[in-house]
Amino acid sequence: MMVVWLITVSLTLQHFVTAHSGPAANLSQQLAELSLSSEEFEKVADTHLNWYLFSLKAIMVQMAKELLHNIEKGHLVHDAPVANTRQQSREEVYEPK
């Protein structure tokens, strides 16, 4: 029984060492394949910037749609509570004593 266990453990260790020695030796080669050149990095950076600008434009378009929708329904900026508080604060500041 001890012999079977010893053979099993030795084969398992041998398989573990063999399986993990290959990728460790090729790790630097794999990292070199994954690294970007300066030209490729510039392409990725430009793509990222373009997606960022595209997202900002989409947000501005959505805000403009909501603004037009509110104007068409008759909800003017004057009806906003912020405008009322500004008027009240002006009256408090400029009220003659």
N, C-alpha and C. Protein backbone atom coordinates (compact mmCIF):
# COMPACT_ATOMS: atom_id res chain seq x y z
N MET A 1 0.82 -1.19 0.00
CA MET A 1 0.00 0.00 0.00
C MET A 1 0.87 1.25 0.00
N MET A 2 1.94 1.19 0.75
CA MET A 2 2.85 2.33 0.82
C MET A 2 3.52 2.58 -0.52
N VAL A 3 3.78 1.54 -1.26
CA VAL A 3 4.43 1.68 -2.57
C VAL A 3 3.47 2.36 -3.55
N VAL A 4 2.21 2.01 -3.53
CA VAL A 4 1.22 2.63 -4.41
C VAL A 4 1.09 4.11 -4.07
N TRP A 5 1.05 4.41 -2.80
CA TRP A 5 0.95 5.81 -2.38
C TRP A 5 2.18 6.59 -2.82
N LEU A 6 3.37 6.02 -2.67
CA LEU A 6 4.62 6.68 -3.06
C LEU A 6 4.67 6.91 -4.56
N ILE A 7 4.24 5.95 -5.35
CA ILE A 7 4.22 6.10 -6.81
C ILE A 7 3.21 7.18 -7.20
N THR A 8 2.07 7.18 -6.58
CA THR A 8 1.04 8.18 -6.88
C THR A 8 1.53 9.59 -6.56
N VAL A 9 2.15 9.75 -5.41
CA VAL A 9 2.67 11.06 -5.02
C VAL A 9 3.78 11.50 -5.96
N SER A 10 4.69 10.59 -6.30
CA SER A 10 5.80 10.97 -7.19
C SER A 10 5.30 11.33 -8.58
N LEU A 11 4.32 10.60 -9.10
CA LEU A 11 3.77 10.94 -10.41
C LEU A 11 3.03 12.27 -10.37
N THR A 12 2.32 12.52 -9.28
CA THR A 12 1.61 13.79 -9.14
C THR A 12 2.59 14.95 -9.07
N LEU A 13 3.66 14.79 -8.30
CA LEU A 13 4.67 15.84 -8.22
C LEU A 13 5.37 16.05 -9.56
N GLN A 14 5.66 14.96 -10.24
CA GLN A 14 6.31 15.07 -11.55
C GLN A 14 5.40 15.79 -12.54
N HIS A 15 4.13 15.46 -12.53
CA HIS A 15 3.17 16.13 -13.42
C HIS A 15 3.05 17.61 -13.06
N PHE A 16 3.02 17.91 -11.77
CA PHE A 16 2.91 19.31 -11.33
C PHE A 16 4.12 20.11 -11.78
N VAL A 17 5.31 19.57 -11.58
CA VAL A 17 6.54 20.28 -11.96
C VAL A 17 6.61 20.44 -13.47
N THR A 18 6.26 19.41 -14.22
CA THR A 18 6.30 19.49 -15.68
C THR A 18 5.27 20.48 -16.20
N ALA A 19 4.10 20.46 -15.63
CA ALA A 19 3.03 21.34 -16.11
C ALA A 19 3.33 22.80 -15.80
N HIS A 20 3.98 23.08 -14.69
CA HIS A 20 4.21 24.46 -14.30
C HIS A 20 5.58 25.00 -14.71
N SER A 21 6.46 24.15 -15.18
CA SER A 21 7.76 24.66 -15.62
C SER A 21 7.66 25.24 -17.02
N GLY A 22 6.78 24.71 -17.85
CA GLY A 22 6.62 25.21 -19.22
C GLY A 22 6.14 26.64 -19.27
N PRO A 23 5.02 26.98 -18.65
CA PRO A 23 4.54 28.36 -18.68
C PRO A 23 5.48 29.34 -17.99
N ALA A 24 6.18 28.89 -16.96
CA ALA A 24 7.10 29.80 -16.28
C ALA A 24 8.26 30.17 -17.20
N ALA A 25 8.70 29.21 -18.00
CA ALA A 25 9.79 29.49 -18.93
C ALA A 25 9.31 30.39 -20.06
N ASN A 26 8.07 30.24 -20.46
CA ASN A 26 7.53 31.03 -21.58
C ASN A 26 6.84 32.31 -21.12
N LEU A 27 6.87 32.59 -19.83
CA LEU A 27 6.15 33.75 -19.31
C LEU A 27 6.67 35.05 -19.90
N SER A 28 7.98 35.19 -19.97
CA SER A 28 8.53 36.43 -20.53
C SER A 28 8.18 36.55 -22.01
N GLN A 29 8.15 35.44 -22.72
CA GLN A 29 7.78 35.48 -24.13
C GLN A 29 6.30 35.85 -24.28
N GLN A 30 5.46 35.31 -23.43
CA GLN A 30 4.03 35.62 -23.49
C GLN A 30 3.78 37.08 -23.15
N LEU A 31 4.50 37.61 -22.17
CA LEU A 31 4.35 39.02 -21.83
C LEU A 31 4.84 39.92 -22.96
N ALA A 32 5.90 39.51 -23.63
CA ALA A 32 6.40 40.29 -24.76
C ALA A 32 5.38 40.32 -25.89
N GLU A 33 4.67 39.22 -26.09
CA GLU A 33 3.65 39.19 -27.13
C GLU A 33 2.46 40.07 -26.77
N LEU A 34 2.16 40.20 -25.48
CA LEU A 34 1.02 41.00 -25.06
C LEU A 34 1.32 42.48 -24.97
N SER A 35 2.57 42.85 -24.84
CA SER A 35 2.91 44.27 -24.69
C SER A 35 2.67 45.02 -26.00
N LEU A 36 2.35 46.30 -25.88
CA LEU A 36 2.03 47.13 -27.04
C LEU A 36 3.24 47.96 -27.44
N SER A 37 3.37 48.15 -28.73
CA SER A 37 4.39 49.09 -29.19
C SER A 37 3.83 50.50 -29.01
N SER A 38 4.68 51.49 -29.21
CA SER A 38 4.21 52.87 -29.02
C SER A 38 3.13 53.23 -30.04
N GLU A 39 3.25 52.71 -31.25
CA GLU A 39 2.22 52.98 -32.28
C GLU A 39 0.90 52.33 -31.90
N GLU A 40 0.94 51.08 -31.42
CA GLU A 40 -0.28 50.40 -31.00
C GLU A 40 -0.89 51.08 -29.78
N PHE A 41 -0.05 51.55 -28.87
CA PHE A 41 -0.55 52.26 -27.69
C PHE A 41 -1.27 53.54 -28.10
N GLU A 42 -0.73 54.27 -29.06
CA GLU A 42 -1.38 55.49 -29.55
C GLU A 42 -2.74 55.18 -30.16
N LYS A 43 -2.84 54.08 -30.89
CA LYS A 43 -4.13 53.69 -31.47
C LYS A 43 -5.15 53.39 -30.38
N VAL A 44 -4.72 52.67 -29.35
CA VAL A 44 -5.63 52.34 -28.25
C VAL A 44 -6.05 53.61 -27.51
N ALA A 45 -5.09 54.52 -27.28
CA ALA A 45 -5.40 55.77 -26.58
C ALA A 45 -6.36 56.63 -27.40
N ASP A 46 -6.16 56.68 -28.72
CA ASP A 46 -7.08 57.44 -29.58
C ASP A 46 -8.48 56.83 -29.56
N THR A 47 -8.55 55.51 -29.61
CA THR A 47 -9.85 54.84 -29.56
C THR A 47 -10.56 55.14 -28.24
N HIS A 48 -9.81 55.11 -27.15
CA HIS A 48 -10.39 55.41 -25.84
C HIS A 48 -10.91 56.84 -25.80
N LEU A 49 -10.13 57.78 -26.31
CA LEU A 49 -10.55 59.18 -26.33
C LEU A 49 -11.79 59.37 -27.19
N ASN A 50 -11.83 58.71 -28.34
CA ASN A 50 -13.00 58.82 -29.22
C ASN A 50 -14.25 58.27 -28.54
N TRP A 51 -14.15 57.15 -27.84
CA TRP A 51 -15.30 56.60 -27.13
C TRP A 51 -15.74 57.53 -26.01
N TYR A 52 -14.78 58.14 -25.34
CA TYR A 52 -15.11 59.08 -24.27
C TYR A 52 -15.87 60.28 -24.83
N LEU A 53 -15.38 60.85 -25.93
CA LEU A 53 -16.05 61.99 -26.55
C LEU A 53 -17.42 61.60 -27.08
N PHE A 54 -17.53 60.41 -27.65
CA PHE A 54 -18.81 59.91 -28.14
C PHE A 54 -19.82 59.82 -26.99
N SER A 55 -19.36 59.35 -25.83
CA SER A 55 -20.26 59.24 -24.67
C SER A 55 -20.71 60.61 -24.20
N LEU A 56 -19.79 61.56 -24.16
CA LEU A 56 -20.16 62.92 -23.75
C LEU A 56 -21.18 63.53 -24.72
N LYS A 57 -20.97 63.32 -26.00
CA LYS A 57 -21.92 63.84 -26.99
C LYS A 57 -23.29 63.20 -26.81
N ALA A 58 -23.32 61.90 -26.52
CA ALA A 58 -24.60 61.22 -26.31
C ALA A 58 -25.32 61.78 -25.09
N ILE A 59 -24.58 62.08 -24.04
CA ILE A 59 -25.19 62.67 -22.84
C ILE A 59 -25.74 64.06 -23.16
N MET A 60 -25.00 64.86 -23.91
CA MET A 60 -25.47 66.20 -24.27
C MET A 60 -26.71 66.13 -25.15
N VAL A 61 -26.76 65.17 -26.06
CA VAL A 61 -27.94 65.01 -26.92
C VAL A 61 -29.15 64.64 -26.07
N GLN A 62 -28.96 63.74 -25.11
CA GLN A 62 -30.08 63.35 -24.25
C GLN A 62 -30.57 64.53 -23.42
N MET A 63 -29.65 65.34 -22.91
CA MET A 63 -30.06 66.52 -22.14
C MET A 63 -30.79 67.52 -23.02
N ALA A 64 -30.35 67.68 -24.27
CA ALA A 64 -31.03 68.59 -25.19
C ALA A 64 -32.43 68.09 -25.51
N LYS A 65 -32.59 66.78 -25.69
CA LYS A 65 -33.92 66.21 -25.95
C LYS A 65 -34.86 66.48 -24.78
N GLU A 66 -34.37 66.28 -23.57
CA GLU A 66 -35.21 66.54 -22.39
C GLU A 66 -35.55 68.02 -22.28
N LEU A 67 -34.60 68.89 -22.59
CA LEU A 67 -34.85 70.32 -22.53
C LEU A 67 -35.92 70.72 -23.55
N LEU A 68 -35.80 70.24 -24.78
CA LEU A 68 -36.80 70.54 -25.80
C LEU A 68 -38.17 69.99 -25.42
N HIS A 69 -38.18 68.81 -24.85
CA HIS A 69 -39.45 68.20 -24.43
C HIS A 69 -40.11 69.06 -23.35
N ASN A 70 -39.34 69.55 -22.40
CA ASN A 70 -39.89 70.39 -21.34
C ASN A 70 -40.37 71.73 -21.88
N ILE A 71 -39.65 72.31 -22.83
CA ILE A 71 -40.06 73.59 -23.41
C ILE A 71 -41.35 73.43 -24.20
N GLU A 72 -41.47 72.33 -24.95
CA GLU A 72 -42.68 72.10 -25.74
C GLU A 72 -43.90 71.91 -24.84
N LYS A 73 -43.72 71.35 -23.67
CA LYS A 73 -44.85 71.14 -22.76
C LYS A 73 -45.19 72.39 -21.98
N GLY A 74 -44.39 73.43 -22.10
CA GLY A 74 -44.68 74.67 -21.42
C GLY A 74 -44.01 74.82 -20.08
N HIS A 75 -43.14 73.92 -19.74
CA HIS A 75 -42.40 74.04 -18.48
C HIS A 75 -41.20 74.94 -18.73
N LEU A 76 -41.34 76.16 -18.37
CA LEU A 76 -40.27 77.11 -18.59
C LEU A 76 -39.33 77.13 -17.41
N VAL A 77 -38.22 77.75 -17.60
CA VAL A 77 -37.22 77.85 -16.54
C VAL A 77 -37.76 78.68 -15.39
N HIS A 78 -38.68 79.58 -15.65
CA HIS A 78 -39.23 80.43 -14.59
C HIS A 78 -40.00 79.62 -13.56
N ASP A 79 -40.51 78.49 -13.97
CA ASP A 79 -41.29 77.67 -13.05
C ASP A 79 -40.42 76.85 -12.11
N ALA A 80 -39.14 76.87 -12.32
CA ALA A 80 -38.25 76.05 -11.50
C ALA A 80 -38.13 76.64 -10.11
N PRO A 81 -38.03 75.82 -9.09
CA PRO A 81 -37.90 76.34 -7.73
C PRO A 81 -36.60 77.11 -7.52
N VAL A 82 -35.58 76.83 -8.29
CA VAL A 82 -34.31 77.55 -8.15
C VAL A 82 -34.50 79.02 -8.49
N ALA A 83 -35.29 79.30 -9.52
CA ALA A 83 -35.53 80.69 -9.91
C ALA A 83 -36.25 81.43 -8.79
N ASN A 84 -37.19 80.78 -8.13
CA ASN A 84 -37.91 81.42 -7.03
C ASN A 84 -36.99 81.73 -5.86
N THR A 85 -36.11 80.82 -5.53
CA THR A 85 -35.20 81.08 -4.41
C THR A 85 -34.23 82.19 -4.75
N ARG A 86 -33.82 82.29 -6.00
CA ARG A 86 -32.94 83.40 -6.39
C ARG A 86 -33.66 84.73 -6.22
N GLN A 87 -34.91 84.79 -6.64
CA GLN A 87 -35.68 86.02 -6.52
C GLN A 87 -35.87 86.40 -5.06
N GLN A 88 -36.19 85.43 -4.24
CA GLN A 88 -36.36 85.70 -2.82
C GLN A 88 -35.07 86.18 -2.19
N SER A 89 -33.96 85.57 -2.55
CA SER A 89 -32.70 85.99 -1.94
C SER A 89 -32.32 87.39 -2.41
N ARG A 90 -32.65 87.75 -3.65
CA ARG A 90 -32.38 89.10 -4.13
C ARG A 90 -33.21 90.13 -3.36
N GLU A 91 -34.48 89.79 -3.11
CA GLU A 91 -35.34 90.71 -2.36
C GLU A 91 -34.83 90.90 -0.95
N GLU A 92 -34.33 89.84 -0.35
CA GLU A 92 -33.80 89.96 1.00
C GLU A 92 -32.54 90.81 1.04
N VAL A 93 -31.71 90.67 0.03
CA VAL A 93 -30.44 91.42 0.01
C VAL A 93 -30.68 92.88 -0.30
N TYR A 94 -31.55 93.16 -1.29
CA TYR A 94 -31.73 94.54 -1.75
C TYR A 94 -32.92 95.25 -1.11
N GLU A 95 -33.52 94.63 -0.14
CA GLU A 95 -34.68 95.25 0.51
C GLU A 95 -34.21 96.46 1.33
N PRO A 96 -34.81 97.63 1.06
CA PRO A 96 -34.40 98.82 1.81
C PRO A 96 -34.83 98.73 3.26
N LYS A 97 -33.98 99.24 4.12
CA LYS A 97 -34.28 99.18 5.56
C LYS A 97 -34.69 100.52 6.08
